């Protein structure tokens, strides 16, 4: 009786792992970029898809399937403003040579 219970347990574990692997494979084939506002998606013949990311103004080709992205913004959602920091001086002092009196 105990061996039957162990056998049933392992059958359930193996069946669950097979279902999960099949779902992971199905989800891994579709890239996150297809639903992103920053993506430029080109569909070709025979189902080929070329994806380029335009996040922060630079066009970068995506050569792999993306599953997570920090620049992801849903096409139907609100737009996200991209700000690039580090090029503005912290203090806005006027120098004596340039000051208008």
PDB file of N, CA and C in Angstrom:
ATOM      1  N   UNK A   1       0.819  -1.192   0.000  1.00  0.00           N
ATOM      2  CA  UNK A   1       0.000   0.000   0.000  1.00  0.00           C
ATOM      3  C   UNK A   1       0.869   1.265   0.000  1.00  0.00           C
ATOM      4  N   UNK A   2       1.946   1.215   0.795  1.00  0.00           N
ATOM      5  CA  UNK A   2       2.833   2.372   0.853  1.00  0.00           C
ATOM      6  C   UNK A   2       3.538   2.611  -0.478  1.00  0.00           C
ATOM      7  N   UNK A   3       3.908   1.546  -1.135  1.00  0.00           N
ATOM      8  CA  UNK A   3       4.577   1.694  -2.430  1.00  0.00           C
ATOM      9  C   UNK A   3       3.622   2.264  -3.473  1.00  0.00           C
ATOM     10  N   UNK A   4       2.345   1.941  -3.376  1.00  0.00           N
ATOM     11  CA  UNK A   4       1.346   2.484  -4.294  1.00  0.00           C
ATOM     12  C   UNK A   4       1.191   3.991  -4.079  1.00  0.00           C
ATOM     13  N   UNK A   5       1.201   4.419  -2.843  1.00  0.00           N
ATOM     14  CA  UNK A   5       1.101   5.849  -2.533  1.00  0.00           C
ATOM     15  C   UNK A   5       2.335   6.590  -3.046  1.00  0.00           C
ATOM     16  N   UNK A   6       3.516   6.003  -2.843  1.00  0.00           N
ATOM     17  CA  UNK A   6       4.747   6.628  -3.344  1.00  0.00           C
ATOM     18  C   UNK A   6       4.744   6.709  -4.863  1.00  0.00           C
ATOM     19  N   UNK A   7       4.277   5.656  -5.516  1.00  0.00           N
ATOM     20  CA  UNK A   7       4.197   5.643  -6.970  1.00  0.00           C
ATOM     21  C   UNK A   7       3.236   6.724  -7.473  1.00  0.00           C
ATOM     22  N   UNK A   8       2.091   6.841  -6.838  1.00  0.00           N
ATOM     23  CA  UNK A   8       1.111   7.876  -7.213  1.00  0.00           C
ATOM     24  C   UNK A   8       1.700   9.276  -7.009  1.00  0.00           C
ATOM     25  N   UNK A   9       2.409   9.472  -5.912  1.00  0.00           N
ATOM     26  CA  UNK A   9       3.024  10.774  -5.637  1.00  0.00           C
ATOM     27  C   UNK A   9       4.012  11.140  -6.732  1.00  0.00           C
ATOM     28  N   UNK A  10       4.886  10.210  -7.110  1.00  0.00           N
ATOM     29  CA  UNK A  10       5.887  10.495  -8.134  1.00  0.00           C
ATOM     30  C   UNK A  10       5.252  10.692  -9.507  1.00  0.00           C
ATOM     31  N   UNK A  11       4.164  10.010  -9.811  1.00  0.00           N
ATOM     32  CA  UNK A  11       3.455  10.219 -11.064  1.00  0.00           C
ATOM     33  C   UNK A  11       2.870  11.632 -11.136  1.00  0.00           C
ATOM     34  N   UNK A  12       2.315  12.099 -10.028  1.00  0.00           N
ATOM     35  CA  UNK A  12       1.769  13.466  -9.979  1.00  0.00           C
ATOM     36  C   UNK A  12       2.881  14.500 -10.130  1.00  0.00           C
ATOM     37  N   UNK A  13       4.020  14.280  -9.492  1.00  0.00           N
ATOM     38  CA  UNK A  13       5.151  15.209  -9.591  1.00  0.00           C
ATOM     39  C   UNK A  13       5.678  15.258 -11.023  1.00  0.00           C
ATOM     40  N   UNK A  14       5.838  14.115 -11.648  1.00  0.00           N
ATOM     41  CA  UNK A  14       6.349  14.066 -13.022  1.00  0.00           C
ATOM     42  C   UNK A  14       5.360  14.701 -13.993  1.00  0.00           C
ATOM     43  N   UNK A  15       4.072  14.422 -13.838  1.00  0.00           N
ATOM     44  CA  UNK A  15       3.062  15.021 -14.712  1.00  0.00           C
ATOM     45  C   UNK A  15       3.034  16.540 -14.547  1.00  0.00           C
ATOM     46  N   UNK A  16       3.153  17.025 -13.330  1.00  0.00           N
ATOM     47  CA  UNK A  16       3.195  18.476 -13.092  1.00  0.00           C
ATOM     48  C   UNK A  16       4.413  19.117 -13.724  1.00  0.00           C
ATOM     49  N   UNK A  17       5.554  18.439 -13.641  1.00  0.00           N
ATOM     50  CA  UNK A  17       6.769  18.980 -14.250  1.00  0.00           C
ATOM     51  C   UNK A  17       6.651  19.018 -15.766  1.00  0.00           C
ATOM     52  N   UNK A  18       6.016  18.026 -16.358  1.00  0.00           N
ATOM     53  CA  UNK A  18       5.838  18.013 -17.807  1.00  0.00           C
ATOM     54  C   UNK A  18       4.903  19.133 -18.263  1.00  0.00           C
ATOM     55  N   UNK A  19       3.824  19.352 -17.543  1.00  0.00           N
ATOM     56  CA  UNK A  19       2.896  20.434 -17.887  1.00  0.00           C
ATOM     57  C   UNK A  19       3.573  21.785 -17.737  1.00  0.00           C
ATOM     58  N   UNK A  20       4.327  21.954 -16.674  1.00  0.00           N
ATOM     59  CA  UNK A  20       5.020  23.232 -16.450  1.00  0.00           C
ATOM     60  C   UNK A  20       6.074  23.493 -17.530  1.00  0.00           C
ATOM     61  N   UNK A  21       6.802  22.473 -17.926  1.00  0.00           N
ATOM     62  CA  UNK A  21       7.810  22.634 -18.982  1.00  0.00           C
ATOM     63  C   UNK A  21       7.154  23.023 -20.299  1.00  0.00           C
ATOM     64  N   UNK A  22       6.000  22.429 -20.594  1.00  0.00           N
ATOM     65  CA  UNK A  22       5.289  22.756 -21.828  1.00  0.00           C
ATOM     66  C   UNK A  22       4.780  24.195 -21.801  1.00  0.00           C
ATOM     67  N   UNK A  23       4.275  24.662 -20.655  1.00  0.00           N
ATOM     68  CA  UNK A  23       3.808  26.047 -20.532  1.00  0.00           C
ATOM     69  C   UNK A  23       4.968  27.031 -20.605  1.00  0.00           C
ATOM     70  N   UNK A  24       6.090  26.703 -19.985  1.00  0.00           N
ATOM     71  CA  UNK A  24       7.265  27.574 -20.038  1.00  0.00           C
ATOM     72  C   UNK A  24       7.781  27.697 -21.464  1.00  0.00           C
ATOM     73  N   UNK A  25       7.766  26.595 -22.204  1.00  0.00           N
ATOM     74  CA  UNK A  25       8.237  26.630 -23.584  1.00  0.00           C
ATOM     75  C   UNK A  25       7.300  27.476 -24.438  1.00  0.00           C
ATOM     76  N   UNK A  26       6.008  27.384 -24.209  1.00  0.00           N
ATOM     77  CA  UNK A  26       5.044  28.162 -24.971  1.00  0.00           C
ATOM     78  C   UNK A  26       5.181  29.652 -24.655  1.00  0.00           C
ATOM     79  N   UNK A  27       5.403  30.015 -23.396  1.00  0.00           N
ATOM     80  CA  UNK A  27       5.548  31.413 -23.003  1.00  0.00           C
ATOM     81  C   UNK A  27       6.886  31.994 -23.423  1.00  0.00           C
ATOM     82  N   UNK A  28       7.930  31.173 -23.500  1.00  0.00           N
ATOM     83  CA  UNK A  28       9.264  31.659 -23.837  1.00  0.00           C
ATOM     84  C   UNK A  28       9.383  32.037 -25.304  1.00  0.00           C
ATOM     85  N   UNK A  29       8.482  31.522 -26.141  1.00  0.00           N
ATOM     86  CA  UNK A  29       8.575  31.803 -27.560  1.00  0.00           C
ATOM     87  C   UNK A  29       8.108  33.204 -27.912  1.00  0.00           C
ATOM     88  N   UNK A  30       7.287  33.832 -27.081  1.00  0.00           N
ATOM     89  CA  UNK A  30       6.773  35.166 -27.374  1.00  0.00           C
ATOM     90  C   UNK A  30       7.549  36.197 -26.569  1.00  0.00           C
ATOM     91  N   UNK A  31       8.098  37.197 -27.251  1.00  0.00           N
ATOM     92  CA  UNK A  31       8.910  38.205 -26.593  1.00  0.00           C
ATOM     93  C   UNK A  31       8.042  39.286 -25.953  1.00  0.00           C
ATOM     94  N   UNK A  32       8.529  39.876 -24.904  1.00  0.00           N
ATOM     95  CA  UNK A  32       7.828  40.945 -24.208  1.00  0.00           C
ATOM     96  C   UNK A  32       7.743  42.204 -25.066  1.00  0.00           C
ATOM     97  N   UNK A  33       8.652  42.341 -26.003  1.00  0.00           N
ATOM     98  CA  UNK A  33       8.725  43.535 -26.844  1.00  0.00           C
ATOM     99  C   UNK A  33       7.499  43.725 -27.733  1.00  0.00           C
ATOM    100  N   UNK A  34       6.760  42.660 -28.025  1.00  0.00           N
ATOM    101  CA  UNK A  34       5.602  42.776 -28.903  1.00  0.00           C
ATOM    102  C   UNK A  34       4.510  43.650 -28.299  1.00  0.00           C
ATOM    103  N   UNK A  35       4.500  43.816 -26.985  1.00  0.00           N
ATOM    104  CA  UNK A  35       3.491  44.634 -26.319  1.00  0.00           C
ATOM    105  C   UNK A  35       4.067  45.940 -25.781  1.00  0.00           C
ATOM    106  N   UNK A  36       5.294  46.301 -26.178  1.00  0.00           N
ATOM    107  CA  UNK A  36       5.973  47.482 -25.643  1.00  0.00           C
ATOM    108  C   UNK A  36       5.874  48.657 -26.596  1.00  0.00           C
ATOM    109  N   UNK A  37       5.688  49.843 -26.045  1.00  0.00           N
ATOM    110  CA  UNK A  37       5.592  51.057 -26.850  1.00  0.00           C
ATOM    111  C   UNK A  37       6.955  51.471 -27.402  1.00  0.00           C
ATOM    112  N   UNK A  38       8.044  51.036 -26.798  1.00  0.00           N
ATOM    113  CA  UNK A  38       9.389  51.398 -27.231  1.00  0.00           C
ATOM    114  C   UNK A  38       9.943  50.486 -28.321  1.00  0.00           C
ATOM    115  N   UNK A  39       9.191  49.474 -28.728  1.00  0.00           N
ATOM    116  CA  UNK A  39       9.689  48.492 -29.682  1.00  0.00           C
ATOM    117  C   UNK A  39       9.291  48.844 -31.110  1.00  0.00           C
ATOM    118  N   UNK A  40      10.215  48.572 -32.036  1.00  0.00           N
ATOM    119  CA  UNK A  40       9.901  48.626 -33.452  1.00  0.00           C
ATOM    120  C   UNK A  40       9.919  47.179 -33.937  1.00  0.00           C
ATOM    121  N   UNK A  41       8.739  46.669 -34.276  1.00  0.00           N
ATOM    122  CA  UNK A  41       8.584  45.268 -34.633  1.00  0.00           C
ATOM    123  C   UNK A  41       8.335  45.165 -36.131  1.00  0.00           C
ATOM    124  N   UNK A  42       9.141  44.340 -36.809  1.00  0.00           N
ATOM    125  CA  UNK A  42       9.002  44.109 -38.246  1.00  0.00           C
ATOM    126  C   UNK A  42       8.684  42.643 -38.464  1.00  0.00           C
ATOM    127  N   UNK A  43       7.548  42.375 -39.113  1.00  0.00           N
ATOM    128  CA  UNK A  43       7.134  41.009 -39.414  1.00  0.00           C
ATOM    129  C   UNK A  43       7.538  40.675 -40.838  1.00  0.00           C
ATOM    130  N   UNK A  44       8.215  39.556 -41.024  1.00  0.00           N
ATOM    131  CA  UNK A  44       8.647  39.126 -42.347  1.00  0.00           C
ATOM    132  C   UNK A  44       7.910  37.886 -42.801  1.00  0.00           C
ATOM    133  N   UNK A  45       8.341  37.362 -43.913  1.00  0.00           N
ATOM    134  CA  UNK A  45       7.726  36.154 -44.445  1.00  0.00           C
ATOM    135  C   UNK A  45       8.113  34.946 -43.597  1.00  0.00           C
ATOM    136  N   UNK A  46       7.300  33.913 -43.688  1.00  0.00           N
ATOM    137  CA  UNK A  46       7.506  32.663 -42.947  1.00  0.00           C
ATOM    138  C   UNK A  46       7.529  32.864 -41.434  1.00  0.00           C
ATOM    139  N   UNK A  47       6.871  33.919 -40.950  1.00  0.00           N
ATOM    140  CA  UNK A  47       6.746  34.138 -39.514  1.00  0.00           C
ATOM    141  C   UNK A  47       7.958  34.734 -38.831  1.00  0.00           C
ATOM    142  N   UNK A  48       8.937  35.199 -39.573  1.00  0.00           N
ATOM    143  CA  UNK A  48      10.133  35.781 -38.961  1.00  0.00           C
ATOM    144  C   UNK A  48       9.809  37.179 -38.430  1.00  0.00           C
ATOM    145  N   UNK A  49      10.282  37.474 -37.228  1.00  0.00           N
ATOM    146  CA  UNK A  49      10.036  38.764 -36.581  1.00  0.00           C
ATOM    147  C   UNK A  49      11.370  39.378 -36.191  1.00  0.00           C
ATOM    148  N   UNK A  50      11.594  40.631 -36.591  1.00  0.00           N
ATOM    149  CA  UNK A  50      12.769  41.390 -36.173  1.00  0.00           C
ATOM    150  C   UNK A  50      12.312  42.475 -35.210  1.00  0.00           C
ATOM    151  N   UNK A  51      12.990  42.590 -34.079  1.00  0.00           N
ATOM    152  CA  UNK A  51      12.608  43.543 -33.043  1.00  0.00           C
ATOM    153  C   UNK A  51      13.785  44.450 -32.737  1.00  0.00           C
ATOM    154  N   UNK A  52      13.508  45.762 -32.641  1.00  0.00           N
ATOM    155  CA  UNK A  52      14.517  46.735 -32.218  1.00  0.00           C
ATOM    156  C   UNK A  52      13.915  47.576 -31.097  1.00  0.00           C
ATOM    157  N   UNK A  53      14.724  47.917 -30.102  1.00  0.00           N
ATOM    158  CA  UNK A  53      14.273  48.707 -28.961  1.00  0.00           C
ATOM    159  C   UNK A  53      14.691  50.159 -29.153  1.00  0.00           C
ATOM    160  N   UNK A  54      13.747  51.065 -28.939  1.00  0.00           N
ATOM    161  CA  UNK A  54      13.994  52.493 -29.103  1.00  0.00           C
ATOM    162  C   UNK A  54      13.937  53.213 -27.759  1.00  0.00           C
ATOM    163  N   UNK A  55      14.185  52.509 -26.669  1.00  0.00           N
ATOM    164  CA  UNK A  55      14.126  53.115 -25.343  1.00  0.00           C
ATOM    165  C   UNK A  55      15.270  54.124 -25.174  1.00  0.00           C
ATOM    166  N   UNK A  56      14.980  55.296 -24.702  1.00  0.00           N
ATOM    167  CA  UNK A  56      15.923  56.391 -24.441  1.00  0.00           C
ATOM    168  C   UNK A  56      16.574  56.911 -25.732  1.00  0.00           C
ATOM    169  N   UNK A  57      15.914  56.707 -26.876  1.00  0.00           N
ATOM    170  CA  UNK A  57      16.359  57.326 -28.112  1.00  0.00           C
ATOM    171  C   UNK A  57      17.363  56.558 -28.939  1.00  0.00           C
ATOM    172  N   UNK A  58      17.907  55.487 -28.445  1.00  0.00           N
ATOM    173  CA  UNK A  58      18.891  54.713 -29.208  1.00  0.00           C
ATOM    174  C   UNK A  58      18.209  53.460 -29.759  1.00  0.00           C
ATOM    175  N   UNK A  59      18.416  53.176 -31.033  1.00  0.00           N
ATOM    176  CA  UNK A  59      17.824  51.999 -31.671  1.00  0.00           C
ATOM    177  C   UNK A  59      18.757  50.807 -31.498  1.00  0.00           C
ATOM    178  N   UNK A  60      18.318  49.817 -30.710  1.00  0.00           N
ATOM    179  CA  UNK A  60      19.134  48.631 -30.436  1.00  0.00           C
ATOM    180  C   UNK A  60      18.398  47.384 -30.903  1.00  0.00           C
ATOM    181  N   UNK A  61      19.016  46.576 -31.774  1.00  0.00           N
ATOM    182  CA  UNK A  61      18.350  45.341 -32.204  1.00  0.00           C
ATOM    183  C   UNK A  61      18.335  44.315 -31.072  1.00  0.00           C
ATOM    184  N   UNK A  62      17.207  43.642 -30.910  1.00  0.00           N
ATOM    185  CA  UNK A  62      17.073  42.591 -29.904  1.00  0.00           C
ATOM    186  C   UNK A  62      17.341  41.256 -30.587  1.00  0.00           C
ATOM    187  N   UNK A  63      18.403  40.577 -30.169  1.00  0.00           N
ATOM    188  CA  UNK A  63      18.816  39.328 -30.797  1.00  0.00           C
ATOM    189  C   UNK A  63      18.398  38.113 -29.986  1.00  0.00           C
ATOM    190  N   UNK A  64      17.557  38.327 -28.978  1.00  0.00           N
ATOM    191  CA  UNK A  64      17.101  37.221 -28.140  1.00  0.00           C
ATOM    192  C   UNK A  64      15.673  37.506 -27.693  1.00  0.00           C
ATOM    193  N   UNK A  65      15.026  36.527 -27.118  1.00  0.00           N
ATOM    194  CA  UNK A  65      13.656  36.672 -26.631  1.00  0.00           C
ATOM    195  C   UNK A  65      13.694  37.336 -25.262  1.00  0.00           C
ATOM    196  N   UNK A  66      13.036  38.473 -25.135  1.00  0.00           N
ATOM    197  CA  UNK A  66      13.049  39.250 -23.894  1.00  0.00           C
ATOM    198  C   UNK A  66      11.891  38.803 -23.009  1.00  0.00           C
ATOM    199  N   UNK A  67      12.176  38.522 -21.725  1.00  0.00           N
ATOM    200  CA  UNK A  67      11.108  38.153 -20.795  1.00  0.00           C
ATOM    201  C   UNK A  67      10.923  39.201 -19.702  1.00  0.00           C
ATOM    202  N   UNK A  68      11.943  40.010 -19.400  1.00  0.00           N
ATOM    203  CA  UNK A  68      11.833  41.114 -18.454  1.00  0.00           C
ATOM    204  C   UNK A  68      12.643  42.283 -18.977  1.00  0.00           C
ATOM    205  N   UNK A  69      12.136  43.521 -18.749  1.00  0.00           N
ATOM    206  CA  UNK A  69      12.835  44.706 -19.231  1.00  0.00           C
ATOM    207  C   UNK A  69      12.507  45.881 -18.325  1.00  0.00           C
ATOM    208  N   UNK A  70      13.516  46.671 -17.940  1.00  0.00           N
ATOM    209  CA  UNK A  70      13.275  47.827 -17.084  1.00  0.00           C
ATOM    210  C   UNK A  70      12.660  48.993 -17.856  1.00  0.00           C
ATOM    211  N   UNK A  71      12.801  49.004 -19.171  1.00  0.00           N
ATOM    212  CA  UNK A  71      12.228  50.069 -19.983  1.00  0.00           C
ATOM    213  C   UNK A  71      10.883  49.705 -20.593  1.00  0.00           C
ATOM    214  N   UNK A  72      10.270  48.618 -20.120  1.00  0.00           N
ATOM    215  CA  UNK A  72       9.011  48.156 -20.699  1.00  0.00           C
ATOM    216  C   UNK A  72       7.875  49.103 -20.341  1.00  0.00           C
ATOM    217  N   UNK A  73       7.083  49.476 -21.338  1.00  0.00           N
ATOM    218  CA  UNK A  73       5.898  50.312 -21.144  1.00  0.00           C
ATOM    219  C   UNK A  73       4.807  49.775 -22.068  1.00  0.00           C
ATOM    220  N   UNK A  74       3.679  49.396 -21.511  1.00  0.00           N
ATOM    221  CA  UNK A  74       2.593  48.800 -22.277  1.00  0.00           C
ATOM    222  C   UNK A  74       2.060  49.805 -23.293  1.00  0.00           C
ATOM    223  N   UNK A  75       1.767  49.332 -24.509  1.00  0.00           N
ATOM    224  CA  UNK A  75       1.262  50.219 -25.563  1.00  0.00           C
ATOM    225  C   UNK A  75      -0.049  50.881 -25.177  1.00  0.00           C
ATOM    226  N   UNK A  76      -0.907  50.180 -24.467  1.00  0.00           N
ATOM    227  CA  UNK A  76      -2.211  50.726 -24.114  1.00  0.00           C
ATOM    228  C   UNK A  76      -2.193  51.513 -22.806  1.00  0.00           C
ATOM    229  N   UNK A  77      -1.086  51.500 -22.098  1.00  0.00           N
ATOM    230  CA  UNK A  77      -0.986  52.186 -20.821  1.00  0.00           C
ATOM    231  C   UNK A  77      -0.517  53.625 -20.973  1.00  0.00           C
ATOM    232  N   UNK A  78      -0.333  54.323 -19.862  1.00  0.00           N
ATOM    233  CA  UNK A  78       0.141  55.704 -19.921  1.00  0.00           C
ATOM    234  C   UNK A  78       1.598  55.773 -20.362  1.00  0.00           C
ATOM    235  N   UNK A  79       1.947  56.840 -21.061  1.00  0.00           N
ATOM    236  CA  UNK A  79       3.326  57.016 -21.540  1.00  0.00           C
ATOM    237  C   UNK A  79       4.255  57.304 -20.369  1.00  0.00           C
ATOM    238  N   UNK A  80       5.483  56.807 -20.450  1.00  0.00           N
ATOM    239  CA  UNK A  80       6.470  57.001 -19.398  1.00  0.00           C
ATOM    240  C   UNK A  80       7.552  57.936 -19.921  1.00  0.00           C
ATOM    241  N   UNK A  81       7.775  59.038 -19.245  1.00  0.00           N
ATOM    242  CA  UNK A  81       8.777  60.018 -19.652  1.00  0.00           C
ATOM    243  C   UNK A  81      10.171  59.528 -19.272  1.00  0.00           C
ATOM    244  N   UNK A  82      11.074  59.565 -20.227  1.00  0.00           N
ATOM    245  CA  UNK A  82      12.451  59.133 -19.993  1.00  0.00           C
ATOM    246  C   UNK A  82      13.299  60.369 -19.721  1.00  0.00           C
ATOM    247  N   UNK A  83      13.965  60.387 -18.597  1.00  0.00           N
ATOM    248  CA  UNK A  83      14.858  61.503 -18.269  1.00  0.00           C
ATOM    249  C   UNK A  83      16.270  60.959 -18.122  1.00  0.00           C
ATOM    250  N   UNK A  84      17.201  61.668 -18.720  1.00  0.00           N
ATOM    251  CA  UNK A  84      18.607  61.293 -18.617  1.00  0.00           C
ATOM    252  C   UNK A  84      19.278  62.315 -17.707  1.00  0.00           C
ATOM    253  N   UNK A  85      19.846  61.827 -16.625  1.00  0.00           N
ATOM    254  CA  UNK A  85      20.434  62.720 -15.634  1.00  0.00           C
ATOM    255  C   UNK A  85      21.955  62.670 -15.713  1.00  0.00           C
ATOM    256  N   UNK A  86      22.577  63.705 -15.177  1.00  0.00           N
ATOM    257  CA  UNK A  86      24.021  63.716 -15.072  1.00  0.00           C
ATOM    258  C   UNK A  86      24.705  64.720 -15.966  1.00  0.00           C
ATOM    259  N   UNK A  87      23.959  65.457 -16.774  1.00  0.00           N
ATOM    260  CA  UNK A  87      24.567  66.416 -17.676  1.00  0.00           C
ATOM    261  C   UNK A  87      24.256  67.859 -17.291  1.00  0.00           C
ATOM    262  N   UNK A  88      23.570  68.059 -16.191  1.00  0.00           N
ATOM    263  CA  UNK A  88      23.207  69.400 -15.751  1.00  0.00           C
ATOM    264  C   UNK A  88      23.960  69.700 -14.462  1.00  0.00           C
ATOM    265  N   UNK A  89      24.505  70.912 -14.379  1.00  0.00           N
ATOM    266  CA  UNK A  89      25.215  71.294 -13.158  1.00  0.00           C
ATOM    267  C   UNK A  89      24.218  71.450 -12.020  1.00  0.00           C
ATOM    268  N   UNK A  90      24.668  71.094 -10.852  1.00  0.00           N
ATOM    269  CA  UNK A  90      23.819  71.179  -9.672  1.00  0.00           C
ATOM    270  C   UNK A  90      23.582  72.634  -9.249  1.00  0.00           C
ATOM    271  N   UNK A  91      24.636  73.426  -9.239  1.00  0.00           N
ATOM    272  CA  UNK A  91      24.502  74.821  -8.813  1.00  0.00           C
ATOM    273  C   UNK A  91      24.430  75.730 -10.043  1.00  0.00           C
ATOM    274  N   UNK A  92      23.511  76.641 -10.023  1.00  0.00           N
ATOM    275  CA  UNK A  92      23.309  77.553 -11.149  1.00  0.00           C
ATOM    276  C   UNK A  92      23.838  78.941 -10.782  1.00  0.00           C
ATOM    277  N   UNK A  93      25.130  79.034 -10.488  1.00  0.00           N
ATOM    278  CA  UNK A  93      25.712  80.314 -10.105  1.00  0.00           C
ATOM    279  C   UNK A  93      26.150  81.087 -11.355  1.00  0.00           C
ATOM    280  N   UNK A  94      26.071  82.368 -11.290  1.00  0.00           N
ATOM    281  CA  UNK A  94      26.488  83.240 -12.385  1.00  0.00           C
ATOM    282  C   UNK A  94      27.906  83.722 -12.086  1.00  0.00           C
ATOM    283  N   UNK A  95      28.787  83.569 -13.067  1.00  0.00           N
ATOM    284  CA  UNK A  95      30.157  83.981 -12.875  1.00  0.00           C
ATOM    285  C   UNK A  95      30.275  85.493 -13.033  1.00  0.00           C
ATOM    286  N   UNK A  96      31.235  86.091 -12.370  1.00  0.00           N
ATOM    287  CA  UNK A  96      31.407  87.543 -12.355  1.00  0.00           C
ATOM    288  C   UNK A  96      31.707  88.097 -13.733  1.00  0.00           C
ATOM    289  N   UNK A  97      32.428  87.348 -14.574  1.00  0.00           N
ATOM    290  CA  UNK A  97      32.779  87.837 -15.904  1.00  0.00           C
ATOM    291  C   UNK A  97      31.561  87.922 -16.819  1.00  0.00           C
ATOM    292  N   UNK A  98      30.584  87.110 -16.581  1.00  0.00           N
ATOM    293  CA  UNK A  98      29.438  87.015 -17.469  1.00  0.00           C
ATOM    294  C   UNK A  98      28.230  87.764 -16.922  1.00  0.00           C
ATOM    295  N   UNK A  99      28.236  88.086 -15.690  1.00  0.00           N
ATOM    296  CA  UNK A  99      27.079  88.718 -15.049  1.00  0.00           C
ATOM    297  C   UNK A  99      26.743  90.059 -15.676  1.00  0.00           C
ATOM    298  N   UNK A 100      25.470  90.286 -15.888  1.00  0.00           N
ATOM    299  CA  UNK A 100      24.982  91.574 -16.432  1.00  0.00           C
ATOM    300  C   UNK A 100      24.549  92.407 -15.235  1.00  0.00           C
ATOM    301  N   UNK A 101      25.133  93.610 -15.145  1.00  0.00           N
ATOM    302  CA  UNK A 101      24.781  94.454 -14.000  1.00  0.00           C
ATOM    303  C   UNK A 101      23.974  95.661 -14.425  1.00  0.00           C
TER     304      UNK A 101
END
